[in-house]
Amino acid sequence: MGQGTPPPDHNDPEQISLIRECTDKIISLEKQRASINADISAERKRIKASNIDMDAWRAAKRRREMDPDVRAEFDRSQTLCNKALGVPVQADLFANDSEAAPGEIPDAA
């Protein structure tokens, strides 16, 4: 409780109802989350079972989810970091990126 905040009325039926309602909703959501987490884990296992490097997949997924402007800045920054650290840069890697639909591999330029 914050300063100046009155303590809750332990006999207030509205607060009791609120606590029960919120608790039931949270328990329901936690059960849904457990089910969703199991589904996500199963899909990740399918990807891994096909010998896809999971670090590479996570990086690609993260990049795909980025806003295009954020992705462009990320790509510029990553290129700069790679150059600074002596990591070879494949200049044409993203050349046709805007032409590829999700799930489609861009054609080599």
PDB file of N, CA and C in Angstrom:
ATOM      1  N   MET A   1       0.844  -1.175   0.000  1.00  0.00           N
ATOM      2  CA  MET A   1       0.000   0.000   0.000  1.00  0.00           C
ATOM      3  C   MET A   1       0.884   1.231   0.000  1.00  0.00           C
ATOM      4  N   GLY A   2       0.478   2.225  -0.763  1.00  0.00           N
ATOM      5  CA  GLY A   2       1.215   3.469  -0.809  1.00  0.00           C
ATOM      6  C   GLY A   2       0.844   4.355   0.363  1.00  0.00           C
ATOM      7  N   GLN A   3       1.641   5.376   0.548  1.00  0.00           N
ATOM      8  CA  GLN A   3       1.349   6.314   1.628  1.00  0.00           C
ATOM      9  C   GLN A   3       0.020   7.004   1.346  1.00  0.00           C
ATOM     10  N   GLY A   4      -0.795   7.140   2.361  1.00  0.00           N
ATOM     11  CA  GLY A   4      -2.074   7.805   2.214  1.00  0.00           C
ATOM     12  C   GLY A   4      -3.161   6.937   1.616  1.00  0.00           C
ATOM     13  N   THR A   5      -2.833   5.724   1.218  1.00  0.00           N
ATOM     14  CA  THR A   5      -3.837   4.820   0.664  1.00  0.00           C
ATOM     15  C   THR A   5      -4.490   4.075   1.815  1.00  0.00           C
ATOM     16  N   PRO A   6      -5.812   4.139   1.880  1.00  0.00           N
ATOM     17  CA  PRO A   6      -6.471   3.438   2.981  1.00  0.00           C
ATOM     18  C   PRO A   6      -6.332   1.925   2.816  1.00  0.00           C
ATOM     19  N   PRO A   7      -6.264   1.202   3.897  1.00  0.00           N
ATOM     20  CA  PRO A   7      -6.172  -0.258   3.788  1.00  0.00           C
ATOM     21  C   PRO A   7      -7.470  -0.812   3.204  1.00  0.00           C
ATOM     22  N   PRO A   8      -7.380  -1.977   2.549  1.00  0.00           N
ATOM     23  CA  PRO A   8      -8.601  -2.554   1.977  1.00  0.00           C
ATOM     24  C   PRO A   8      -9.576  -2.971   3.070  1.00  0.00           C
ATOM     25  N   ASP A   9     -10.842  -2.914   2.725  1.00  0.00           N
ATOM     26  CA  ASP A   9     -11.886  -3.380   3.631  1.00  0.00           C
ATOM     27  C   ASP A   9     -12.007  -4.885   3.423  1.00  0.00           C
ATOM     28  N   HIS A  10     -11.581  -5.644   4.408  1.00  0.00           N
ATOM     29  CA  HIS A  10     -11.552  -7.105   4.285  1.00  0.00           C
ATOM     30  C   HIS A  10     -12.932  -7.731   4.256  1.00  0.00           C
ATOM     31  N   ASN A  11     -13.936  -6.951   4.466  1.00  0.00           N
ATOM     32  CA  ASN A  11     -15.304  -7.470   4.440  1.00  0.00           C
ATOM     33  C   ASN A  11     -16.108  -6.919   3.262  1.00  0.00           C
ATOM     34  N   ASP A  12     -15.446  -6.191   2.354  1.00  0.00           N
ATOM     35  CA  ASP A  12     -16.133  -5.581   1.220  1.00  0.00           C
ATOM     36  C   ASP A  12     -16.462  -6.659   0.186  1.00  0.00           C
ATOM     37  N   PRO A  13     -17.750  -6.933  -0.069  1.00  0.00           N
ATOM     38  CA  PRO A  13     -18.123  -7.975  -1.023  1.00  0.00           C
ATOM     39  C   PRO A  13     -17.642  -7.683  -2.448  1.00  0.00           C
ATOM     40  N   GLU A  14     -17.519  -6.411  -2.818  1.00  0.00           N
ATOM     41  CA  GLU A  14     -17.026  -6.083  -4.155  1.00  0.00           C
ATOM     42  C   GLU A  14     -15.553  -6.460  -4.294  1.00  0.00           C
ATOM     43  N   GLN A  15     -14.755  -6.204  -3.265  1.00  0.00           N
ATOM     44  CA  GLN A  15     -13.340  -6.577  -3.320  1.00  0.00           C
ATOM     45  C   GLN A  15     -13.180  -8.088  -3.314  1.00  0.00           C
ATOM     46  N   ILE A  16     -13.981  -8.766  -2.518  1.00  0.00           N
ATOM     47  CA  ILE A  16     -13.932 -10.233  -2.483  1.00  0.00           C
ATOM     48  C   ILE A  16     -14.285 -10.795  -3.857  1.00  0.00           C
ATOM     49  N   SER A  17     -15.326 -10.247  -4.476  1.00  0.00           N
ATOM     50  CA  SER A  17     -15.736 -10.689  -5.804  1.00  0.00           C
ATOM     51  C   SER A  17     -14.650 -10.401  -6.836  1.00  0.00           C
ATOM     52  N   LEU A  18     -14.048  -9.210  -6.750  1.00  0.00           N
ATOM     53  CA  LEU A  18     -12.968  -8.835  -7.670  1.00  0.00           C
ATOM     54  C   LEU A  18     -11.797  -9.803  -7.556  1.00  0.00           C
ATOM     55  N   ILE A  19     -11.405 -10.115  -6.341  1.00  0.00           N
ATOM     56  CA  ILE A  19     -10.275 -11.028  -6.120  1.00  0.00           C
ATOM     57  C   ILE A  19     -10.582 -12.398  -6.705  1.00  0.00           C
ATOM     58  N   ARG A  20     -11.778 -12.915  -6.465  1.00  0.00           N
ATOM     59  CA  ARG A  20     -12.152 -14.239  -7.004  1.00  0.00           C
ATOM     60  C   ARG A  20     -12.165 -14.224  -8.530  1.00  0.00           C
ATOM     61  N   GLU A  21     -12.791 -13.183  -9.087  1.00  0.00           N
ATOM     62  CA  GLU A  21     -12.904 -13.076 -10.543  1.00  0.00           C
ATOM     63  C   GLU A  21     -11.526 -12.993 -11.190  1.00  0.00           C
ATOM     64  N   CYS A  22     -10.674 -12.116 -10.663  1.00  0.00           N
ATOM     65  CA  CYS A  22      -9.333 -11.963 -11.226  1.00  0.00           C
ATOM     66  C   CYS A  22      -8.502 -13.232 -11.068  1.00  0.00           C
ATOM     67  N   THR A  23      -8.614 -13.877  -9.927  1.00  0.00           N
ATOM     68  CA  THR A  23      -7.859 -15.106  -9.677  1.00  0.00           C
ATOM     69  C   THR A  23      -8.295 -16.208 -10.641  1.00  0.00           C
ATOM     70  N   ASP A  24      -9.591 -16.365 -10.848  1.00  0.00           N
ATOM     71  CA  ASP A  24     -10.090 -17.379 -11.790  1.00  0.00           C
ATOM     72  C   ASP A  24      -9.590 -17.094 -13.204  1.00  0.00           C
ATOM     73  N   LYS A  25      -9.611 -15.823 -13.603  1.00  0.00           N
ATOM     74  CA  LYS A  25      -9.150 -15.445 -14.940  1.00  0.00           C
ATOM     75  C   LYS A  25      -7.655 -15.721 -15.090  1.00  0.00           C
ATOM     76  N   ILE A  26      -6.872 -15.382 -14.076  1.00  0.00           N
ATOM     77  CA  ILE A  26      -5.420 -15.619 -14.121  1.00  0.00           C
ATOM     78  C   ILE A  26      -5.129 -17.110 -14.225  1.00  0.00           C
ATOM     79  N   ILE A  27      -5.820 -17.925 -13.451  1.00  0.00           N
ATOM     80  CA  ILE A  27      -5.609 -19.378 -13.506  1.00  0.00           C
ATOM     81  C   ILE A  27      -5.949 -19.909 -14.897  1.00  0.00           C
ATOM     82  N   SER A  28      -7.044 -19.431 -15.467  1.00  0.00           N
ATOM     83  CA  SER A  28      -7.433 -19.846 -16.818  1.00  0.00           C
ATOM     84  C   SER A  28      -6.376 -19.443 -17.840  1.00  0.00           C
ATOM     85  N   LEU A  29      -5.891 -18.224 -17.747  1.00  0.00           N
ATOM     86  CA  LEU A  29      -4.856 -17.747 -18.680  1.00  0.00           C
ATOM     87  C   LEU A  29      -3.560 -18.527 -18.513  1.00  0.00           C
ATOM     88  N   GLU A  30      -3.205 -18.864 -17.284  1.00  0.00           N
ATOM     89  CA  GLU A  30      -1.989 -19.650 -17.054  1.00  0.00           C
ATOM     90  C   GLU A  30      -2.112 -21.035 -17.679  1.00  0.00           C
ATOM     91  N   LYS A  31      -3.296 -21.631 -17.620  1.00  0.00           N
ATOM     92  CA  LYS A  31      -3.502 -22.935 -18.263  1.00  0.00           C
ATOM     93  C   LYS A  31      -3.364 -22.803 -19.779  1.00  0.00           C
ATOM     94  N   GLN A  32      -3.939 -21.733 -20.326  1.00  0.00           N
ATOM     95  CA  GLN A  32      -3.819 -21.502 -21.769  1.00  0.00           C
ATOM     96  C   GLN A  32      -2.359 -21.294 -22.147  1.00  0.00           C
ATOM     97  N   ARG A  33      -1.641 -20.530 -21.320  1.00  0.00           N
ATOM     98  CA  ARG A  33      -0.226 -20.267 -21.585  1.00  0.00           C
ATOM     99  C   ARG A  33       0.566 -21.570 -21.592  1.00  0.00           C
ATOM    100  N   ALA A  34       0.276 -22.452 -20.650  1.00  0.00           N
ATOM    101  CA  ALA A  34       0.982 -23.731 -20.594  1.00  0.00           C
ATOM    102  C   ALA A  34       0.744 -24.523 -21.876  1.00  0.00           C
ATOM    103  N   SER A  35      -0.488 -24.519 -22.351  1.00  0.00           N
ATOM    104  CA  SER A  35      -0.814 -25.231 -23.583  1.00  0.00           C
ATOM    105  C   SER A  35      -0.120 -24.592 -24.787  1.00  0.00           C
ATOM    106  N   ILE A  36      -0.146 -23.279 -24.845  1.00  0.00           N
ATOM    107  CA  ILE A  36       0.508 -22.562 -25.950  1.00  0.00           C
ATOM    108  C   ILE A  36       2.017 -22.805 -25.912  1.00  0.00           C
ATOM    109  N   ASN A  37       2.614 -22.750 -24.723  1.00  0.00           N
ATOM    110  CA  ASN A  37       4.053 -23.009 -24.604  1.00  0.00           C
ATOM    111  C   ASN A  37       4.404 -24.415 -25.076  1.00  0.00           C
ATOM    112  N   ALA A  38       3.549 -25.385 -24.772  1.00  0.00           N
ATOM    113  CA  ALA A  38       3.786 -26.761 -25.233  1.00  0.00           C
ATOM    114  C   ALA A  38       3.710 -26.833 -26.756  1.00  0.00           C
ATOM    115  N   ASP A  39       2.751 -26.124 -27.348  1.00  0.00           N
ATOM    116  CA  ASP A  39       2.626 -26.105 -28.809  1.00  0.00           C
ATOM    117  C   ASP A  39       3.846 -25.449 -29.456  1.00  0.00           C
ATOM    118  N   ILE A  40       4.298 -24.348 -28.887  1.00  0.00           N
ATOM    119  CA  ILE A  40       5.478 -23.658 -29.414  1.00  0.00           C
ATOM    120  C   ILE A  40       6.704 -24.572 -29.315  1.00  0.00           C
ATOM    121  N   SER A  41       6.852 -25.239 -28.190  1.00  0.00           N
ATOM    122  CA  SER A  41       7.981 -26.151 -27.999  1.00  0.00           C
ATOM    123  C   SER A  41       7.956 -27.273 -29.032  1.00  0.00           C
ATOM    124  N   ALA A  42       6.768 -27.804 -29.308  1.00  0.00           N
ATOM    125  CA  ALA A  42       6.646 -28.884 -30.296  1.00  0.00           C
ATOM    126  C   ALA A  42       7.053 -28.402 -31.688  1.00  0.00           C
ATOM    127  N   GLU A  43       6.655 -27.183 -32.046  1.00  0.00           N
ATOM    128  CA  GLU A  43       7.024 -26.650 -33.361  1.00  0.00           C
ATOM    129  C   GLU A  43       8.529 -26.409 -33.449  1.00  0.00           C
ATOM    130  N   ARG A  44       9.122 -25.922 -32.365  1.00  0.00           N
ATOM    131  CA  ARG A  44      10.577 -25.720 -32.350  1.00  0.00           C
ATOM    132  C   ARG A  44      11.307 -27.055 -32.504  1.00  0.00           C
ATOM    133  N   LYS A  45      10.787 -28.089 -31.861  1.00  0.00           N
ATOM    134  CA  LYS A  45      11.396 -29.417 -31.987  1.00  0.00           C
ATOM    135  C   LYS A  45      11.315 -29.920 -33.419  1.00  0.00           C
ATOM    136  N   ARG A  46      10.213 -29.615 -34.117  1.00  0.00           N
ATOM    137  CA  ARG A  46      10.093 -30.008 -35.528  1.00  0.00           C
ATOM    138  C   ARG A  46      11.156 -29.326 -36.376  1.00  0.00           C
ATOM    139  N   ILE A  47      11.382 -28.040 -36.109  1.00  0.00           N
ATOM    140  CA  ILE A  47      12.406 -27.299 -36.859  1.00  0.00           C
ATOM    141  C   ILE A  47      13.779 -27.898 -36.575  1.00  0.00           C
ATOM    142  N   LYS A  48      14.068 -28.115 -35.286  1.00  0.00           N
ATOM    143  CA  LYS A  48      15.372 -28.665 -34.896  1.00  0.00           C
ATOM    144  C   LYS A  48      15.579 -30.064 -35.474  1.00  0.00           C
ATOM    145  N   ALA A  49      14.519 -30.858 -35.521  1.00  0.00           N
ATOM    146  CA  ALA A  49      14.616 -32.222 -36.051  1.00  0.00           C
ATOM    147  C   ALA A  49      14.965 -32.233 -37.535  1.00  0.00           C
ATOM    148  N   SER A  50      14.708 -31.122 -38.220  1.00  0.00           N
ATOM    149  CA  SER A  50      15.059 -31.060 -39.641  1.00  0.00           C
ATOM    150  C   SER A  50      16.471 -30.495 -39.846  1.00  0.00           C
ATOM    151  N   ASN A  51      17.258 -30.512 -38.759  1.00  0.00           N
ATOM    152  CA  ASN A  51      18.665 -30.100 -38.779  1.00  0.00           C
ATOM    153  C   ASN A  51      18.874 -28.620 -39.076  1.00  0.00           C
ATOM    154  N   ILE A  52      17.899 -27.791 -38.718  1.00  0.00           N
ATOM    155  CA  ILE A  52      18.061 -26.342 -38.837  1.00  0.00           C
ATOM    156  C   ILE A  52      18.749 -25.847 -37.569  1.00  0.00           C
ATOM    157  N   ASP A  53      19.788 -25.041 -37.720  1.00  0.00           N
ATOM    158  CA  ASP A  53      20.470 -24.456 -36.574  1.00  0.00           C
ATOM    159  C   ASP A  53      19.497 -23.515 -35.871  1.00  0.00           C
ATOM    160  N   MET A  54      19.238 -23.774 -34.606  1.00  0.00           N
ATOM    161  CA  MET A  54      18.220 -23.005 -33.882  1.00  0.00           C
ATOM    162  C   MET A  54      18.634 -21.560 -33.642  1.00  0.00           C
ATOM    163  N   ASP A  55      19.931 -21.294 -33.486  1.00  0.00           N
ATOM    164  CA  ASP A  55      20.370 -19.905 -33.343  1.00  0.00           C
ATOM    165  C   ASP A  55      20.088 -19.129 -34.629  1.00  0.00           C
ATOM    166  N   ALA A  56      20.340 -19.774 -35.768  1.00  0.00           N
ATOM    167  CA  ALA A  56      20.079 -19.124 -37.053  1.00  0.00           C
ATOM    168  C   ALA A  56      18.572 -18.906 -37.233  1.00  0.00           C
ATOM    169  N   TRP A  57      17.781 -19.902 -36.860  1.00  0.00           N
ATOM    170  CA  TRP A  57      16.328 -19.756 -36.978  1.00  0.00           C
ATOM    171  C   TRP A  57      15.813 -18.624 -36.093  1.00  0.00           C
ATOM    172  N   ARG A  58      16.281 -18.579 -34.839  1.00  0.00           N
ATOM    173  CA  ARG A  58      15.830 -17.513 -33.927  1.00  0.00           C
ATOM    174  C   ARG A  58      16.204 -16.134 -34.473  1.00  0.00           C
ATOM    175  N   ALA A  59      17.413 -16.020 -35.028  1.00  0.00           N
ATOM    176  CA  ALA A  59      17.851 -14.737 -35.592  1.00  0.00           C
ATOM    177  C   ALA A  59      16.969 -14.351 -36.784  1.00  0.00           C
ATOM    178  N   ALA A  60      16.669 -15.313 -37.631  1.00  0.00           N
ATOM    179  CA  ALA A  60      15.816 -15.035 -38.796  1.00  0.00           C
ATOM    180  C   ALA A  60      14.402 -14.673 -38.358  1.00  0.00           C
ATOM    181  N   LYS A  61      13.875 -15.379 -37.368  1.00  0.00           N
ATOM    182  CA  LYS A  61      12.531 -15.091 -36.855  1.00  0.00           C
ATOM    183  C   LYS A  61      12.486 -13.691 -36.257  1.00  0.00           C
ATOM    184  N   ARG A  62      13.497 -13.373 -35.473  1.00  0.00           N
ATOM    185  CA  ARG A  62      13.554 -12.047 -34.846  1.00  0.00           C
ATOM    186  C   ARG A  62      13.618 -10.965 -35.917  1.00  0.00           C
ATOM    187  N   ARG A  63      14.418 -11.171 -36.947  1.00  0.00           N
ATOM    188  CA  ARG A  63      14.562 -10.197 -38.028  1.00  0.00           C
ATOM    189  C   ARG A  63      13.246 -10.053 -38.797  1.00  0.00           C
ATOM    190  N   ARG A  64      12.573 -11.161 -39.041  1.00  0.00           N
ATOM    191  CA  ARG A  64      11.294 -11.138 -39.766  1.00  0.00           C
ATOM    192  C   ARG A  64      10.241 -10.335 -39.007  1.00  0.00           C
ATOM    193  N   GLU A  65      10.257 -10.412 -37.680  1.00  0.00           N
ATOM    194  CA  GLU A  65       9.258  -9.739 -36.861  1.00  0.00           C
ATOM    195  C   GLU A  65       9.513  -8.237 -36.722  1.00  0.00           C
ATOM    196  N   MET A  66      10.692  -7.785 -37.148  1.00  0.00           N
ATOM    197  CA  MET A  66      11.042  -6.367 -37.012  1.00  0.00           C
ATOM    198  C   MET A  66      10.242  -5.512 -37.978  1.00  0.00           C
ATOM    199  N   ASP A  67       9.959  -4.309 -37.535  1.00  0.00           N
ATOM    200  CA  ASP A  67       9.415  -3.276 -38.410  1.00  0.00           C
ATOM    201  C   ASP A  67      10.456  -3.042 -39.511  1.00  0.00           C
ATOM    202  N   PRO A  68      10.039  -2.817 -40.761  1.00  0.00           N
ATOM    203  CA  PRO A  68      11.009  -2.646 -41.853  1.00  0.00           C
ATOM    204  C   PRO A  68      12.049  -1.553 -41.598  1.00  0.00           C
ATOM    205  N   ASP A  69      11.650  -0.442 -40.985  1.00  0.00           N
ATOM    206  CA  ASP A  69      12.621   0.617 -40.699  1.00  0.00           C
ATOM    207  C   ASP A  69      13.626   0.173 -39.641  1.00  0.00           C
ATOM    208  N   VAL A  70      13.142  -0.530 -38.641  1.00  0.00           N
ATOM    209  CA  VAL A  70      14.028  -1.053 -37.592  1.00  0.00           C
ATOM    210  C   VAL A  70      14.966  -2.095 -38.184  1.00  0.00           C
ATOM    211  N   ARG A  71      14.427  -2.938 -39.072  1.00  0.00           N
ATOM    212  CA  ARG A  71      15.236  -3.968 -39.717  1.00  0.00           C
ATOM    213  C   ARG A  71      16.344  -3.344 -40.560  1.00  0.00           C
ATOM    214  N   ALA A  72      16.028  -2.282 -41.287  1.00  0.00           N
ATOM    215  CA  ALA A  72      17.038  -1.623 -42.115  1.00  0.00           C
ATOM    216  C   ALA A  72      18.165  -1.067 -41.244  1.00  0.00           C
ATOM    217  N   GLU A  73      17.816  -0.442 -40.136  1.00  0.00           N
ATOM    218  CA  GLU A  73      18.842   0.082 -39.223  1.00  0.00           C
ATOM    219  C   GLU A  73      19.641  -1.057 -38.594  1.00  0.00           C
ATOM    220  N   PHE A  74      18.952  -2.145 -38.238  1.00  0.00           N
ATOM    221  CA  PHE A  74      19.617  -3.319 -37.680  1.00  0.00           C
ATOM    222  C   PHE A  74      20.637  -3.856 -38.681  1.00  0.00           C
ATOM    223  N   ASP A  75      20.223  -3.980 -39.950  1.00  0.00           N
ATOM    224  CA  ASP A  75      21.129  -4.503 -40.983  1.00  0.00           C
ATOM    225  C   ASP A  75      22.353  -3.607 -41.149  1.00  0.00           C
ATOM    226  N   ARG A  76      22.138  -2.278 -41.144  1.00  0.00           N
ATOM    227  CA  ARG A  76      23.276  -1.361 -41.270  1.00  0.00           C
ATOM    228  C   ARG A  76      24.219  -1.507 -40.085  1.00  0.00           C
ATOM    229  N   SER A  77      23.644  -1.574 -38.887  1.00  0.00           N
ATOM    230  CA  SER A  77      24.467  -1.698 -37.683  1.00  0.00           C
ATOM    231  C   SER A  77      25.201  -3.031 -37.652  1.00  0.00           C
ATOM    232  N   GLN A  78      24.516  -4.091 -38.052  1.00  0.00           N
ATOM    233  CA  GLN A  78      25.151  -5.408 -38.052  1.00  0.00           C
ATOM    234  C   GLN A  78      26.292  -5.452 -39.060  1.00  0.00           C
ATOM    235  N   THR A  79      26.099  -4.850 -40.224  1.00  0.00           N
ATOM    236  CA  THR A  79      27.164  -4.794 -41.231  1.00  0.00           C
ATOM    237  C   THR A  79      28.374  -4.053 -40.693  1.00  0.00           C
ATOM    238  N   LEU A  80      28.128  -2.911 -40.044  1.00  0.00           N
ATOM    239  CA  LEU A  80      29.214  -2.139 -39.454  1.00  0.00           C
ATOM    240  C   LEU A  80      29.953  -2.957 -38.390  1.00  0.00           C
ATOM    241  N   CYS A  81      29.207  -3.612 -37.518  1.00  0.00           N
ATOM    242  CA  CYS A  81      29.822  -4.434 -36.469  1.00  0.00           C
ATOM    243  C   CYS A  81      30.632  -5.576 -37.065  1.00  0.00           C
ATOM    244  N   ASN A  82      30.081  -6.241 -38.090  1.00  0.00           N
ATOM    245  CA  ASN A  82      30.809  -7.335 -38.740  1.00  0.00           C
ATOM    246  C   ASN A  82      32.122  -6.842 -39.324  1.00  0.00           C
ATOM    247  N   LYS A  83      32.073  -5.689 -39.999  1.00  0.00           N
ATOM    248  CA  LYS A  83      33.301  -5.121 -40.574  1.00  0.00           C
ATOM    249  C   LYS A  83      34.302  -4.790 -39.466  1.00  0.00           C
ATOM    250  N   ALA A  84      33.819  -4.171 -38.395  1.00  0.00           N
ATOM    251  CA  ALA A  84      34.701  -3.780 -37.294  1.00  0.00           C
ATOM    252  C   ALA A  84      35.344  -4.982 -36.627  1.00  0.00           C
ATOM    253  N   LEU A  85      34.633  -6.098 -36.594  1.00  0.00           N
ATOM    254  CA  LEU A  85      35.134  -7.293 -35.920  1.00  0.00           C
ATOM    255  C   LEU A  85      35.812  -8.275 -36.874  1.00  0.00           C
ATOM    256  N   GLY A  86      35.919  -7.901 -38.140  1.00  0.00           N
ATOM    257  CA  GLY A  86      36.589  -8.749 -39.111  1.00  0.00           C
ATOM    258  C   GLY A  86      35.773  -9.945 -39.563  1.00  0.00           C
ATOM    259  N   VAL A  87      34.457  -9.863 -39.412  1.00  0.00           N
ATOM    260  CA  VAL A  87      33.580 -10.947 -39.867  1.00  0.00           C
ATOM    261  C   VAL A  87      33.236 -10.670 -41.323  1.00  0.00           C
ATOM    262  N   PRO A  88      33.482 -11.629 -42.222  1.00  0.00           N
ATOM    263  CA  PRO A  88      33.179 -11.390 -43.636  1.00  0.00           C
ATOM    264  C   PRO A  88      31.711 -11.006 -43.831  1.00  0.00           C
ATOM    265  N   VAL A  89      31.486 -10.039 -44.716  1.00  0.00           N
ATOM    266  CA  VAL A  89      30.134  -9.568 -45.019  1.00  0.00           C
ATOM    267  C   VAL A  89      29.782 -10.005 -46.426  1.00  0.00           C
ATOM    268  N   GLN A  90      28.638 -10.647 -46.573  1.00  0.00           N
ATOM    269  CA  GLN A  90      28.150 -11.037 -47.883  1.00  0.00           C
ATOM    270  C   GLN A  90      27.251  -9.905 -48.364  1.00  0.00           C
ATOM    271  N   ALA A  91      27.771  -9.086 -49.234  1.00  0.00           N
ATOM    272  CA  ALA A  91      27.080  -7.859 -49.643  1.00  0.00           C
ATOM    273  C   ALA A  91      25.734  -8.105 -50.309  1.00  0.00           C
ATOM    274  N   ASP A  92      25.599  -9.204 -51.044  1.00  0.00           N
ATOM    275  CA  ASP A  92      24.351  -9.442 -51.767  1.00  0.00           C
ATOM    276  C   ASP A  92      23.337 -10.276 -50.970  1.00  0.00           C
ATOM    277  N   LEU A  93      23.629 -10.540 -49.717  1.00  0.00           N
ATOM    278  CA  LEU A  93      22.771 -11.429 -48.932  1.00  0.00           C
ATOM    279  C   LEU A  93      21.328 -10.953 -48.896  1.00  0.00           C
ATOM    280  N   PHE A  94      21.122  -9.647 -48.752  1.00  0.00           N
ATOM    281  CA  PHE A  94      19.768  -9.123 -48.639  1.00  0.00           C
ATOM    282  C   PHE A  94      19.360  -8.304 -49.855  1.00  0.00           C
ATOM    283  N   ALA A  95      20.025  -8.478 -50.955  1.00  0.00           N
ATOM    284  CA  ALA A  95      19.787  -7.651 -52.132  1.00  0.00           C
ATOM    285  C   ALA A  95      18.332  -7.693 -52.591  1.00  0.00           C
ATOM    286  N   ASN A  96      17.709  -8.848 -52.624  1.00  0.00           N
ATOM    287  CA  ASN A  96      16.336  -8.986 -53.107  1.00  0.00           C
ATOM    288  C   ASN A  96      15.360  -9.224 -51.977  1.00  0.00           C
ATOM    289  N   ASP A  97      15.724  -8.805 -50.782  1.00  0.00           N
ATOM    290  CA  ASP A  97      14.908  -9.070 -49.588  1.00  0.00           C
ATOM    291  C   ASP A  97      13.487  -8.570 -49.733  1.00  0.00           C
ATOM    292  N   SER A  98      13.290  -7.387 -50.314  1.00  0.00           N
ATOM    293  CA  SER A  98      11.951  -6.811 -50.395  1.00  0.00           C
ATOM    294  C   SER A  98      11.069  -7.561 -51.388  1.00  0.00           C
ATOM    295  N   GLU A  99      11.659  -8.342 -52.272  1.00  0.00           N
ATOM    296  CA  GLU A  99      10.885  -9.075 -53.279  1.00  0.00           C
ATOM    297  C   GLU A  99      10.419 -10.438 -52.783  1.00  0.00           C
ATOM    298  N   ALA A 100      10.992 -10.929 -51.710  1.00  0.00           N
ATOM    299  CA  ALA A 100      10.663 -12.273 -51.244  1.00  0.00           C
ATOM    300  C   ALA A 100       9.480 -12.231 -50.282  1.00  0.00           C
ATOM    301  N   ALA A 101       8.550 -13.123 -50.497  1.00  0.00           N
ATOM    302  CA  ALA A 101       7.416 -13.260 -49.594  1.00  0.00           C
ATOM    303  C   ALA A 101       7.862 -14.093 -48.399  1.00  0.00           C
ATOM    304  N   PRO A 102       7.156 -13.981 -47.253  1.00  0.00           N
ATOM    305  CA  PRO A 102       7.515 -14.816 -46.112  1.00  0.00           C
ATOM    306  C   PRO A 102       7.522 -16.289 -46.520  1.00  0.00           C
ATOM    307  N   GLY A 103       8.568 -16.979 -46.120  1.00  0.00           N
ATOM    308  CA  GLY A 103       8.683 -18.393 -46.460  1.00  0.00           C
ATOM    309  C   GLY A 103       9.353 -18.638 -47.786  1.00  0.00           C
ATOM    310  N   GLU A 104       9.624 -17.590 -48.550  1.00  0.00           N
ATOM    311  CA  GLU A 104      10.248 -17.721 -49.857  1.00  0.00           C
ATOM    312  C   GLU A 104      11.697 -17.288 -49.768  1.00  0.00           C
ATOM    313  N   ILE A 105      12.582 -18.026 -50.388  1.00  0.00           N
ATOM    314  CA  ILE A 105      13.994 -17.674 -50.394  1.00  0.00           C
ATOM    315  C   ILE A 105      14.248 -16.727 -51.563  1.00  0.00           C
ATOM    316  N   PRO A 106      14.834 -15.544 -51.296  1.00  0.00           N
ATOM    317  CA  PRO A 106      15.087 -14.598 -52.399  1.00  0.00           C
ATOM    318  C   PRO A 106      16.017 -15.192 -53.433  1.00  0.00           C
ATOM    319  N   ASP A 107      15.798 -14.827 -54.691  1.00  0.00           N
ATOM    320  CA  ASP A 107      16.697 -15.267 -55.750  1.00  0.00           C
ATOM    321  C   ASP A 107      18.041 -14.587 -55.599  1.00  0.00           C
ATOM    322  N   ALA A 108      19.098 -15.300 -55.969  1.00  0.00           N
ATOM    323  CA  ALA A 108      20.433 -14.698 -55.928  1.00  0.00           C
ATOM    324  C   ALA A 108      20.523 -13.659 -57.023  1.00  0.00           C
ATOM    325  N   ALA A 109      21.161 -12.537 -56.731  1.00  0.00           N
ATOM    326  CA  ALA A 109      21.284 -11.453 -57.709  1.00  0.00           C
ATOM    327  C   ALA A 109      22.344 -11.772 -58.727  1.00  0.00           C
TER     328      ALA A 109
END
